Amino acid sequence: MAALARELAHKQEAEARWQQHADAFARHADDASRDRAMLLAWVTALHPATAVIAPAAEPYGGGSHVVVLTAGGWHTGWPVAPLYLPLFPHVERVEPSDPRAQWDSPTTAQTYARIQEHIRLLVLEDEPSQGARGA
């Protein structure tokens, strides 16, 4: 019986350690989500003429919205959890059927490539290593 009690105690300690790891991961994920929402709110404030927000369709749903920006002639969007909607009072609300709420970047990789291209055009970057100021 003592061996079973020790084994149970050992398993409970291991479970507690794993729960601490899971809790830390959840805190980091929450921090990253908040940072992402803050940065997106900032970008939409810098580009008010092309930013809209609409209720999200599946798979996001659940009160989530999608922020869509137009840059370089293409639309790209990011889901925004209901918790972060108060960060976007400056963004025009539209219906999901509004053409401005339709993004045309079906993959994350394509979105990132388009953003990189837009950055390159904005800073008139000749060589990737020079950056915006030629440093």
C-alpha atoms as a PDB file:
ATOM      1  CA  MET A   1       0.000   0.000   0.000  1.00  0.00           C
ATOM      2  CA  ALA A   2       2.840   2.399   0.795  1.00  0.00           C
ATOM      3  CA  ALA A   3       4.284   1.838  -2.687  1.00  0.00           C
ATOM      4  CA  LEU A   4       0.957   2.769  -4.259  1.00  0.00           C
ATOM      5  CA  ALA A   5       0.743   5.892  -2.112  1.00  0.00           C
ATOM      6  CA  ARG A   6       4.277   6.940  -3.176  1.00  0.00           C
ATOM      7  CA  GLU A   7       3.466   6.286  -6.827  1.00  0.00           C
ATOM      8  CA  LEU A   8       0.265   8.304  -6.536  1.00  0.00           C
ATOM      9  CA  ALA A   9       2.121  11.182  -4.867  1.00  0.00           C
ATOM     10  CA  HIS A  10       4.788  11.068  -7.599  1.00  0.00           C
ATOM     11  CA  LYS A  11       2.132  11.172 -10.345  1.00  0.00           C
ATOM     12  CA  GLN A  12       0.327  14.040  -8.618  1.00  0.00           C
ATOM     13  CA  GLU A  13       3.588  16.009  -8.403  1.00  0.00           C
ATOM     14  CA  ALA A  14       4.255  15.361 -12.095  1.00  0.00           C
ATOM     15  CA  GLU A  15       0.730  16.455 -12.960  1.00  0.00           C
ATOM     16  CA  ALA A  16       1.193  19.658 -10.932  1.00  0.00           C
ATOM     17  CA  ARG A  17       4.464  20.404 -12.789  1.00  0.00           C
ATOM     18  CA  TRP A  18       2.803  19.860 -16.165  1.00  0.00           C
ATOM     19  CA  GLN A  19      -0.116  22.063 -15.102  1.00  0.00           C
ATOM     20  CA  GLN A  20       2.364  24.833 -14.269  1.00  0.00           C
ATOM     21  CA  HIS A  21       3.859  24.489 -17.757  1.00  0.00           C
ATOM     22  CA  ALA A  22       0.406  24.576 -19.333  1.00  0.00           C
ATOM     23  CA  ASP A  23      -0.555  27.655 -17.309  1.00  0.00           C
ATOM     24  CA  ALA A  24       2.663  29.438 -18.312  1.00  0.00           C
ATOM     25  CA  PHE A  25       2.037  28.585 -21.961  1.00  0.00           C
ATOM     26  CA  ALA A  26      -1.514  29.943 -21.704  1.00  0.00           C
ATOM     27  CA  ARG A  27      -0.208  33.201 -20.189  1.00  0.00           C
ATOM     28  CA  HIS A  28       2.315  33.578 -23.019  1.00  0.00           C
ATOM     29  CA  ALA A  29      -0.363  32.848 -25.614  1.00  0.00           C
ATOM     30  CA  ASP A  30      -2.650  35.452 -24.034  1.00  0.00           C
ATOM     31  CA  ASP A  31       0.191  37.996 -24.025  1.00  0.00           C
ATOM     32  CA  ALA A  32       0.931  37.287 -27.694  1.00  0.00           C
ATOM     33  CA  SER A  33      -2.755  37.625 -28.621  1.00  0.00           C
ATOM     34  CA  ARG A  34      -3.006  40.942 -26.808  1.00  0.00           C
ATOM     35  CA  ASP A  35       0.203  42.226 -28.433  1.00  0.00           C
ATOM     36  CA  ARG A  36      -1.056  41.163 -31.870  1.00  0.00           C
ATOM     37  CA  ALA A  37      -4.384  42.926 -31.306  1.00  0.00           C
ATOM     38  CA  MET A  38      -2.637  46.090 -30.104  1.00  0.00           C
ATOM     39  CA  LEU A  39      -0.345  46.152 -33.127  1.00  0.00           C
ATOM     40  CA  LEU A  40      -3.262  45.519 -35.466  1.00  0.00           C
ATOM     41  CA  ALA A  41      -5.219  48.367 -33.841  1.00  0.00           C
ATOM     42  CA  TRP A  42      -2.203  50.617 -34.365  1.00  0.00           C
ATOM     43  CA  VAL A  43      -1.851  49.631 -38.022  1.00  0.00           C
ATOM     44  CA  THR A  44      -5.541  50.267 -38.626  1.00  0.00           C
ATOM     45  CA  ALA A  45      -5.181  53.710 -37.043  1.00  0.00           C
ATOM     46  CA  LEU A  46      -2.325  54.425 -39.470  1.00  0.00           C
ATOM     47  CA  HIS A  47      -4.459  53.273 -42.421  1.00  0.00           C
ATOM     48  CA  PRO A  48      -8.018  54.390 -41.596  1.00  0.00           C
ATOM     49  CA  ALA A  49      -9.091  54.742 -45.224  1.00  0.00           C
ATOM     50  CA  THR A  50      -8.570  51.054 -45.972  1.00  0.00           C
ATOM     51  CA  ALA A  51      -9.391  49.343 -42.667  1.00  0.00           C
ATOM     52  CA  VAL A  52     -12.753  47.713 -41.941  1.00  0.00           C
ATOM     53  CA  ILE A  53     -13.997  45.254 -39.361  1.00  0.00           C
ATOM     54  CA  ALA A  54     -16.777  42.721 -39.843  1.00  0.00           C
ATOM     55  CA  PRO A  55     -18.290  39.832 -37.906  1.00  0.00           C
ATOM     56  CA  ALA A  56     -16.276  36.705 -38.608  1.00  0.00           C
ATOM     57  CA  ALA A  57     -17.610  33.663 -40.352  1.00  0.00           C
ATOM     58  CA  GLU A  58     -16.601  30.158 -39.399  1.00  0.00           C
ATOM     59  CA  PRO A  59     -14.165  28.864 -38.328  1.00  0.00           C
ATOM     60  CA  TYR A  60     -13.709  31.941 -36.125  1.00  0.00           C
ATOM     61  CA  GLY A  61     -17.312  32.860 -35.247  1.00  0.00           C
ATOM     62  CA  GLY A  62     -18.247  33.044 -31.576  1.00  0.00           C
ATOM     63  CA  GLY A  63     -18.398  36.841 -31.544  1.00  0.00           C
ATOM     64  CA  SER A  64     -15.049  37.211 -33.266  1.00  0.00           C
ATOM     65  CA  HIS A  65     -14.582  39.791 -35.985  1.00  0.00           C
ATOM     66  CA  VAL A  66     -12.170  40.111 -38.875  1.00  0.00           C
ATOM     67  CA  VAL A  67     -10.116  43.231 -39.499  1.00  0.00           C
ATOM     68  CA  VAL A  68      -9.349  43.656 -43.187  1.00  0.00           C
ATOM     69  CA  LEU A  69      -6.818  46.100 -44.617  1.00  0.00           C
ATOM     70  CA  THR A  70      -6.146  46.961 -48.220  1.00  0.00           C
ATOM     71  CA  ALA A  71      -2.497  47.478 -49.107  1.00  0.00           C
ATOM     72  CA  GLY A  72      -0.882  47.413 -52.496  1.00  0.00           C
ATOM     73  CA  GLY A  73      -4.225  46.605 -54.094  1.00  0.00           C
ATOM     74  CA  TRP A  74      -4.859  43.426 -52.124  1.00  0.00           C
ATOM     75  CA  HIS A  75      -6.900  42.703 -49.013  1.00  0.00           C
ATOM     76  CA  THR A  76      -5.635  40.796 -46.046  1.00  0.00           C
ATOM     77  CA  GLY A  77      -7.389  40.073 -42.797  1.00  0.00           C
ATOM     78  CA  TRP A  78      -6.873  38.976 -39.242  1.00  0.00           C
ATOM     79  CA  PRO A  79      -9.378  37.557 -36.788  1.00  0.00           C
ATOM     80  CA  VAL A  80      -9.978  39.568 -33.632  1.00  0.00           C
ATOM     81  CA  ALA A  81     -11.355  37.921 -30.509  1.00  0.00           C
ATOM     82  CA  PRO A  82     -14.325  39.611 -28.802  1.00  0.00           C
ATOM     83  CA  LEU A  83     -12.076  40.536 -25.877  1.00  0.00           C
ATOM     84  CA  TYR A  84     -10.071  42.886 -28.117  1.00  0.00           C
ATOM     85  CA  LEU A  85     -12.910  44.565 -30.033  1.00  0.00           C
ATOM     86  CA  PRO A  86     -12.742  47.667 -27.778  1.00  0.00           C
ATOM     87  CA  LEU A  87      -9.309  48.367 -29.313  1.00  0.00           C
ATOM     88  CA  PHE A  88     -10.963  49.084 -32.680  1.00  0.00           C
ATOM     89  CA  PRO A  89     -13.501  51.912 -32.175  1.00  0.00           C
ATOM     90  CA  HIS A  90     -11.800  53.859 -34.968  1.00  0.00           C
ATOM     91  CA  VAL A  91     -12.342  51.126 -37.588  1.00  0.00           C
ATOM     92  CA  GLU A  92     -15.426  51.245 -39.805  1.00  0.00           C
ATOM     93  CA  ARG A  93     -17.882  48.424 -39.042  1.00  0.00           C
ATOM     94  CA  VAL A  94     -19.224  46.635 -42.124  1.00  0.00           C
ATOM     95  CA  GLU A  95     -21.201  43.498 -42.870  1.00  0.00           C
ATOM     96  CA  PRO A  96     -19.307  40.317 -43.820  1.00  0.00           C
ATOM     97  CA  SER A  97     -20.746  40.608 -47.331  1.00  0.00           C
ATOM     98  CA  ASP A  98     -19.134  44.025 -47.875  1.00  0.00           C
ATOM     99  CA  PRO A  99     -16.481  43.682 -50.613  1.00  0.00           C
ATOM    100  CA  ARG A 100     -13.976  45.520 -48.397  1.00  0.00           C
ATOM    101  CA  ALA A 101     -14.357  42.768 -45.798  1.00  0.00           C
ATOM    102  CA  GLN A 102     -13.266  40.055 -48.226  1.00  0.00           C
ATOM    103  CA  TRP A 103      -9.631  39.146 -48.004  1.00  0.00           C
ATOM    104  CA  ASP A 104      -7.779  37.543 -50.867  1.00  0.00           C
ATOM    105  CA  SER A 105      -4.812  36.003 -49.067  1.00  0.00           C
ATOM    106  CA  PRO A 106      -5.873  32.406 -48.561  1.00  0.00           C
ATOM    107  CA  THR A 107      -2.704  31.299 -46.801  1.00  0.00           C
ATOM    108  CA  THR A 108      -0.582  32.759 -44.043  1.00  0.00           C
ATOM    109  CA  ALA A 109       2.530  32.367 -46.206  1.00  0.00           C
ATOM    110  CA  GLN A 110       0.926  34.369 -49.017  1.00  0.00           C
ATOM    111  CA  THR A 111      -0.150  37.077 -46.568  1.00  0.00           C
ATOM    112  CA  TYR A 112       3.377  37.336 -45.166  1.00  0.00           C
ATOM    113  CA  ALA A 113       4.905  37.485 -48.650  1.00  0.00           C
ATOM    114  CA  ARG A 114       2.547  40.301 -49.634  1.00  0.00           C
ATOM    115  CA  ILE A 115       3.294  42.215 -46.444  1.00  0.00           C
ATOM    116  CA  GLN A 116       7.042  41.844 -47.063  1.00  0.00           C
ATOM    117  CA  GLU A 117       6.615  43.091 -50.624  1.00  0.00           C
ATOM    118  CA  HIS A 118       4.586  46.059 -49.422  1.00  0.00           C
ATOM    119  CA  ILE A 119       7.218  46.894 -46.791  1.00  0.00           C
ATOM    120  CA  ARG A 120       9.916  46.686 -49.447  1.00  0.00           C
ATOM    121  CA  LEU A 121       7.991  49.116 -51.643  1.00  0.00           C
ATOM    122  CA  LEU A 122       7.276  51.495 -48.768  1.00  0.00           C
ATOM    123  CA  VAL A 123      10.917  51.789 -47.753  1.00  0.00           C
ATOM    124  CA  LEU A 124      12.249  51.669 -51.314  1.00  0.00           C
ATOM    125  CA  GLU A 125      14.560  48.906 -50.271  1.00  0.00           C
ATOM    126  CA  ASP A 126      17.191  48.052 -52.888  1.00  0.00           C
ATOM    127  CA  GLU A 127      18.894  45.328 -50.924  1.00  0.00           C
ATOM    128  CA  PRO A 128      17.321  43.349 -48.098  1.00  0.00           C
ATOM    129  CA  SER A 129      20.281  43.954 -45.792  1.00  0.00           C
ATOM    130  CA  GLN A 130      20.120  47.748 -46.077  1.00  0.00           C
ATOM    131  CA  GLY A 131      16.694  48.296 -44.550  1.00  0.00           C
ATOM    132  CA  ALA A 132      14.804  51.578 -44.567  1.00  0.00           C
ATOM    133  CA  ARG A 133      17.731  53.868 -43.831  1.00  0.00           C
ATOM    134  CA  GLY A 134      20.489  52.049 -45.661  1.00  0.00           C
ATOM    135  CA  ALA A 135      22.153  51.023 -42.405  1.00  0.00           C
END
